[in-house]
Amino acid sequence: MSLRHAMLGLLARGPASGYDLLKLFEISLSNVWPATQSQLYAELGRLADTGLVKVVAEGPRGRKEYAITDEGMAELRHWITDVEPNRSRRSDMLLRVFFLNTVEPDQARQYLRDQAAAAAKQHEGLTKIREIIADGQDALSVYGRIAVEWGLRFSAMQREWAEWAVEEIDQLPSPTPE
């Protein structure tokens, strides 16, 4: 996913200012594709420069409201249906796991416990988001719930896996003293 397509997707709901998009991004997409305020505003400028969005209103202090153009909607639909998702299998976390034998078993266990705790924290945050969007019947809420559910299941799996991995390390034979 690119930030470009995230912004187009949010604007497909209707016109919004950069600030509005930032707030909507924070409660919806930030768990899937994090971005900073400066990245969002820069991307809005690039989208406008390429004609995928346009400024439809200007307010005080330079506030601009953007809307997706027909070209922007066509690009969003093309990306959704015709562009194969990046299914990268790279994982910095799992690469470290592969080499945990190079540290003391207690350090390996702690690394895995930290991964379990991070997954639990992510799960907790997603649970709060699910509660916020639970009653919404608009398309963003429905599809948002579907995405949040994936995140909940994935974070639960990550926590369970890390806890299992600690138990696997516990089964290793103790090193024999020299």
C-alpha atoms as a PDB file:
ATOM      1  CA  MET A   1       0.000   0.000   0.000  1.00  0.00           C
ATOM      2  CA  SER A   2       1.195   3.447  -0.647  1.00  0.00           C
ATOM      3  CA  LEU A   3       0.381   6.613   1.203  1.00  0.00           C
ATOM      4  CA  ARG A   4      -0.923   7.936  -2.115  1.00  0.00           C
ATOM      5  CA  HIS A   5      -3.591   5.267  -2.280  1.00  0.00           C
ATOM      6  CA  ALA A   6      -4.452   5.617   1.394  1.00  0.00           C
ATOM      7  CA  MET A   7      -5.152   9.316   0.859  1.00  0.00           C
ATOM      8  CA  LEU A   8      -7.177   8.647  -2.281  1.00  0.00           C
ATOM      9  CA  GLY A   9      -9.196   6.043  -0.405  1.00  0.00           C
ATOM     10  CA  LEU A  10      -9.992   8.456   2.405  1.00  0.00           C
ATOM     11  CA  LEU A  11     -10.949  11.192  -0.043  1.00  0.00           C
ATOM     12  CA  ALA A  12     -13.237   8.757  -1.872  1.00  0.00           C
ATOM     13  CA  ARG A  13     -15.541   9.170   1.152  1.00  0.00           C
ATOM     14  CA  GLY A  14     -15.872  12.870   0.419  1.00  0.00           C
ATOM     15  CA  PRO A  15     -13.947  16.162   0.516  1.00  0.00           C
ATOM     16  CA  ALA A  16     -11.732  16.835   3.504  1.00  0.00           C
ATOM     17  CA  SER A  17      -8.996  19.171   4.675  1.00  0.00           C
ATOM     18  CA  GLY A  18      -5.499  18.000   5.464  1.00  0.00           C
ATOM     19  CA  TYR A  19      -6.319  18.256   9.168  1.00  0.00           C
ATOM     20  CA  ASP A  20      -9.515  16.229   8.724  1.00  0.00           C
ATOM     21  CA  LEU A  21      -7.589  13.581   6.799  1.00  0.00           C
ATOM     22  CA  LEU A  22      -4.905  13.468   9.481  1.00  0.00           C
ATOM     23  CA  LYS A  23      -7.489  12.838  12.199  1.00  0.00           C
ATOM     24  CA  LEU A  24      -9.319  10.247  10.109  1.00  0.00           C
ATOM     25  CA  PHE A  25      -5.993   8.596   9.291  1.00  0.00           C
ATOM     26  CA  GLU A  26      -5.094   8.404  12.986  1.00  0.00           C
ATOM     27  CA  ILE A  27      -8.286   6.532  13.895  1.00  0.00           C
ATOM     28  CA  SER A  28      -8.405   4.281  10.872  1.00  0.00           C
ATOM     29  CA  LEU A  29      -5.269   3.637   8.842  1.00  0.00           C
ATOM     30  CA  SER A  30      -2.437   4.374  11.246  1.00  0.00           C
ATOM     31  CA  ASN A  31      -2.484   0.762  12.444  1.00  0.00           C
ATOM     32  CA  VAL A  32      -2.089  -0.454   8.888  1.00  0.00           C
ATOM     33  CA  TRP A  33       0.109   2.220   7.343  1.00  0.00           C
ATOM     34  CA  PRO A  34       1.634   4.762   9.738  1.00  0.00           C
ATOM     35  CA  ALA A  35       2.471   8.224   8.423  1.00  0.00           C
ATOM     36  CA  THR A  36       3.414  11.573   9.909  1.00  0.00           C
ATOM     37  CA  GLN A  37       1.600  14.863   9.486  1.00  0.00           C
ATOM     38  CA  SER A  38       4.320  16.172   7.178  1.00  0.00           C
ATOM     39  CA  GLN A  39       4.111  13.034   5.013  1.00  0.00           C
ATOM     40  CA  LEU A  40       0.323  13.417   4.706  1.00  0.00           C
ATOM     41  CA  TYR A  41       0.480  17.082   3.733  1.00  0.00           C
ATOM     42  CA  ALA A  42       3.314  16.471   1.268  1.00  0.00           C
ATOM     43  CA  GLU A  43       1.339  13.645  -0.336  1.00  0.00           C
ATOM     44  CA  LEU A  44      -1.732  15.862  -0.647  1.00  0.00           C
ATOM     45  CA  GLY A  45       0.404  18.373  -2.544  1.00  0.00           C
ATOM     46  CA  ARG A  46       1.731  15.674  -4.869  1.00  0.00           C
ATOM     47  CA  LEU A  47      -1.780  14.338  -5.472  1.00  0.00           C
ATOM     48  CA  ALA A  48      -2.966  17.828  -6.376  1.00  0.00           C
ATOM     49  CA  ASP A  49       0.045  18.375  -8.667  1.00  0.00           C
ATOM     50  CA  THR A  50      -0.759  15.180 -10.572  1.00  0.00           C
ATOM     51  CA  GLY A  51      -4.468  15.959 -10.851  1.00  0.00           C
ATOM     52  CA  LEU A  52      -5.639  13.038  -8.696  1.00  0.00           C
ATOM     53  CA  VAL A  53      -7.190  15.438  -6.170  1.00  0.00           C
ATOM     54  CA  LYS A  54      -8.209  19.067  -6.398  1.00  0.00           C
ATOM     55  CA  VAL A  55      -8.747  21.896  -3.970  1.00  0.00           C
ATOM     56  CA  VAL A  56     -12.499  22.497  -3.721  1.00  0.00           C
ATOM     57  CA  ALA A  57     -12.522  25.106  -0.947  1.00  0.00           C
ATOM     58  CA  GLU A  58     -10.102  27.429   0.808  1.00  0.00           C
ATOM     59  CA  GLY A  59     -10.610  28.853   4.246  1.00  0.00           C
ATOM     60  CA  PRO A  60      -8.872  30.982   6.817  1.00  0.00           C
ATOM     61  CA  ARG A  61      -5.160  30.498   7.567  1.00  0.00           C
ATOM     62  CA  GLY A  62      -4.603  28.654   4.304  1.00  0.00           C
ATOM     63  CA  ARG A  63      -6.953  25.775   5.138  1.00  0.00           C
ATOM     64  CA  LYS A  64      -7.716  23.824   1.974  1.00  0.00           C
ATOM     65  CA  GLU A  65     -10.354  21.198   1.404  1.00  0.00           C
ATOM     66  CA  TYR A  66      -9.520  18.515  -1.135  1.00  0.00           C
ATOM     67  CA  ALA A  67     -11.692  16.207  -3.217  1.00  0.00           C
ATOM     68  CA  ILE A  68     -10.739  13.205  -5.289  1.00  0.00           C
ATOM     69  CA  THR A  69     -10.992  13.728  -9.060  1.00  0.00           C
ATOM     70  CA  ASP A  70     -12.294  11.245 -11.601  1.00  0.00           C
ATOM     71  CA  GLU A  71      -8.666  10.459 -12.447  1.00  0.00           C
ATOM     72  CA  GLY A  72      -7.938   9.899  -8.762  1.00  0.00           C
ATOM     73  CA  MET A  73     -10.889   7.537  -8.406  1.00  0.00           C
ATOM     74  CA  ALA A  74      -9.769   5.628 -11.501  1.00  0.00           C
ATOM     75  CA  GLU A  75      -6.244   5.323 -10.044  1.00  0.00           C
ATOM     76  CA  LEU A  76      -7.621   4.098  -6.704  1.00  0.00           C
ATOM     77  CA  ARG A  77      -9.836   1.496  -8.376  1.00  0.00           C
ATOM     78  CA  HIS A  78      -6.982   0.369 -10.635  1.00  0.00           C
ATOM     79  CA  TRP A  79      -4.701  -0.037  -7.624  1.00  0.00           C
ATOM     80  CA  ILE A  80      -7.347  -2.012  -5.686  1.00  0.00           C
ATOM     81  CA  THR A  81      -8.268  -4.407  -8.471  1.00  0.00           C
ATOM     82  CA  ASP A  82      -5.311  -4.613 -10.862  1.00  0.00           C
ATOM     83  CA  VAL A  83      -2.115  -4.101  -8.854  1.00  0.00           C
ATOM     84  CA  GLU A  84      -0.895  -7.169  -6.999  1.00  0.00           C
ATOM     85  CA  PRO A  85      -0.301  -6.436  -3.286  1.00  0.00           C
ATOM     86  CA  ASN A  86       3.255  -6.497  -2.011  1.00  0.00           C
ATOM     87  CA  ARG A  87       3.511  -9.815  -0.206  1.00  0.00           C
ATOM     88  CA  SER A  88       6.973  -9.271   1.175  1.00  0.00           C
ATOM     89  CA  ARG A  89       7.999 -12.025   3.522  1.00  0.00           C
ATOM     90  CA  ARG A  90      10.792 -10.051   5.130  1.00  0.00           C
ATOM     91  CA  SER A  91      10.603  -9.774   8.876  1.00  0.00           C
ATOM     92  CA  ASP A  92      13.283  -8.092  10.919  1.00  0.00           C
ATOM     93  CA  MET A  93      11.763  -9.630  14.033  1.00  0.00           C
ATOM     94  CA  LEU A  94      11.907 -13.199  12.672  1.00  0.00           C
ATOM     95  CA  LEU A  95      15.435 -12.729  11.368  1.00  0.00           C
ATOM     96  CA  ARG A  96      16.457 -11.917  14.931  1.00  0.00           C
ATOM     97  CA  VAL A  97      14.595 -14.994  16.190  1.00  0.00           C
ATOM     98  CA  PHE A  98      16.535 -17.157  13.773  1.00  0.00           C
ATOM     99  CA  PHE A  99      19.767 -16.023  15.429  1.00  0.00           C
ATOM    100  CA  LEU A 100      18.641 -16.063  19.066  1.00  0.00           C
ATOM    101  CA  ASN A 101      21.047 -18.944  19.618  1.00  0.00           C
ATOM    102  CA  THR A 102      23.839 -16.349  19.668  1.00  0.00           C
ATOM    103  CA  VAL A 103      22.605 -14.843  22.943  1.00  0.00           C
ATOM    104  CA  GLU A 104      22.027 -16.325  26.370  1.00  0.00           C
ATOM    105  CA  PRO A 105      18.755 -18.298  26.749  1.00  0.00           C
ATOM    106  CA  ASP A 106      17.473 -15.729  29.249  1.00  0.00           C
ATOM    107  CA  GLN A 107      18.063 -12.971  26.700  1.00  0.00           C
ATOM    108  CA  ALA A 108      16.280 -15.014  24.044  1.00  0.00           C
ATOM    109  CA  ARG A 109      13.327 -15.577  26.366  1.00  0.00           C
ATOM    110  CA  GLN A 110      13.194 -11.873  27.198  1.00  0.00           C
ATOM    111  CA  TYR A 111      13.266 -10.940  23.513  1.00  0.00           C
ATOM    112  CA  LEU A 112      10.305 -13.240  22.886  1.00  0.00           C
ATOM    113  CA  ARG A 113       8.438 -11.987  25.964  1.00  0.00           C
ATOM    114  CA  ASP A 114       8.939  -8.452  24.648  1.00  0.00           C
ATOM    115  CA  GLN A 115       7.430  -9.538  21.321  1.00  0.00           C
ATOM    116  CA  ALA A 116       4.456 -11.050  23.168  1.00  0.00           C
ATOM    117  CA  ALA A 117       3.999  -7.824  25.150  1.00  0.00           C
ATOM    118  CA  ALA A 118       4.168  -5.701  21.989  1.00  0.00           C
ATOM    119  CA  ALA A 119       1.561  -7.903  20.317  1.00  0.00           C
ATOM    120  CA  ALA A 120      -0.668  -7.679  23.414  1.00  0.00           C
ATOM    121  CA  LYS A 121      -0.356  -3.879  23.401  1.00  0.00           C
ATOM    122  CA  GLN A 122      -1.244  -3.747  19.710  1.00  0.00           C
ATOM    123  CA  HIS A 123      -4.215  -6.037  20.371  1.00  0.00           C
ATOM    124  CA  GLU A 124      -5.406  -3.746  23.159  1.00  0.00           C
ATOM    125  CA  GLY A 125      -5.207  -0.699  20.898  1.00  0.00           C
ATOM    126  CA  LEU A 126      -7.105  -2.456  18.122  1.00  0.00           C
ATOM    127  CA  THR A 127      -9.768  -3.546  20.611  1.00  0.00           C
ATOM    128  CA  LYS A 128     -10.351   0.122  21.488  1.00  0.00           C
ATOM    129  CA  ILE A 129     -10.642   0.999  17.806  1.00  0.00           C
ATOM    130  CA  ARG A 130     -13.114  -1.848  17.287  1.00  0.00           C
ATOM    131  CA  GLU A 131     -15.259  -0.428  20.092  1.00  0.00           C
ATOM    132  CA  ILE A 132     -15.219   3.025  18.478  1.00  0.00           C
ATOM    133  CA  ILE A 133     -16.368   1.774  15.071  1.00  0.00           C
ATOM    134  CA  ALA A 134     -18.586  -1.078  16.297  1.00  0.00           C
ATOM    135  CA  ASP A 135     -21.913   0.629  15.663  1.00  0.00           C
ATOM    136  CA  GLY A 136     -21.085   2.412  12.430  1.00  0.00           C
ATOM    137  CA  GLN A 137     -23.014   1.195   9.405  1.00  0.00           C
ATOM    138  CA  ASP A 138     -21.247   3.308   6.787  1.00  0.00           C
ATOM    139  CA  ALA A 139     -18.849   1.587   4.394  1.00  0.00           C
ATOM    140  CA  LEU A 140     -15.721   2.906   6.136  1.00  0.00           C
ATOM    141  CA  SER A 141     -16.897   1.438   9.451  1.00  0.00           C
ATOM    142  CA  VAL A 142     -17.802  -1.936   7.945  1.00  0.00           C
ATOM    143  CA  TYR A 143     -14.552  -2.305   6.015  1.00  0.00           C
ATOM    144  CA  GLY A 144     -12.680  -0.795   8.939  1.00  0.00           C
ATOM    145  CA  ARG A 145     -14.089  -3.524  11.195  1.00  0.00           C
ATOM    146  CA  ILE A 146     -12.938  -6.139   8.698  1.00  0.00           C
ATOM    147  CA  ALA A 147      -9.403  -4.686   8.725  1.00  0.00           C
ATOM    148  CA  VAL A 148      -9.377  -4.329  12.522  1.00  0.00           C
ATOM    149  CA  GLU A 149     -10.486  -7.939  12.884  1.00  0.00           C
ATOM    150  CA  TRP A 150      -7.506  -9.058  10.799  1.00  0.00           C
ATOM    151  CA  GLY A 151      -5.232  -7.030  13.070  1.00  0.00           C
ATOM    152  CA  LEU A 152      -6.833  -8.506  16.192  1.00  0.00           C
ATOM    153  CA  ARG A 153      -6.397 -12.047  14.960  1.00  0.00           C
ATOM    154  CA  PHE A 154      -2.847 -11.408  13.775  1.00  0.00           C
ATOM    155  CA  SER A 155      -1.745  -9.756  17.024  1.00  0.00           C
ATOM    156  CA  ALA A 156      -3.338 -12.590  19.042  1.00  0.00           C
ATOM    157  CA  MET A 157      -1.436 -15.101  16.922  1.00  0.00           C
ATOM    158  CA  GLN A 158       1.831 -13.185  17.389  1.00  0.00           C
ATOM    159  CA  ARG A 159       1.374 -13.134  21.182  1.00  0.00           C
ATOM    160  CA  GLU A 160       0.498 -16.838  21.305  1.00  0.00           C
ATOM    161  CA  TRP A 161       3.447 -17.714  19.066  1.00  0.00           C
ATOM    162  CA  ALA A 162       5.922 -15.737  21.204  1.00  0.00           C
ATOM    163  CA  GLU A 163       4.652 -17.415  24.370  1.00  0.00           C
ATOM    164  CA  TRP A 164       4.976 -20.820  22.680  1.00  0.00           C
ATOM    165  CA  ALA A 165       8.511 -19.947  21.550  1.00  0.00           C
ATOM    166  CA  VAL A 166       9.535 -19.171  25.149  1.00  0.00           C
ATOM    167  CA  GLU A 167       8.290 -22.637  26.127  1.00  0.00           C
ATOM    168  CA  GLU A 168      10.350 -24.140  23.298  1.00  0.00           C
ATOM    169  CA  ILE A 169      13.488 -22.470  24.658  1.00  0.00           C
ATOM    170  CA  ASP A 170      12.603 -23.803  28.106  1.00  0.00           C
ATOM    171  CA  GLN A 171      12.791 -27.317  26.605  1.00  0.00           C
ATOM    172  CA  LEU A 172      16.384 -26.894  25.446  1.00  0.00           C
ATOM    173  CA  PRO A 173      18.883 -28.943  27.431  1.00  0.00           C
ATOM    174  CA  SER A 174      20.960 -26.945  29.871  1.00  0.00           C
ATOM    175  CA  PRO A 175      24.500 -26.386  28.716  1.00  0.00           C
ATOM    176  CA  THR A 176      27.002 -28.645  30.400  1.00  0.00           C
ATOM    177  CA  PRO A 177      29.648 -26.876  32.503  1.00  0.00           C
ATOM    178  CA  GLU A 178      33.160 -26.995  31.062  1.00  0.00           C
END
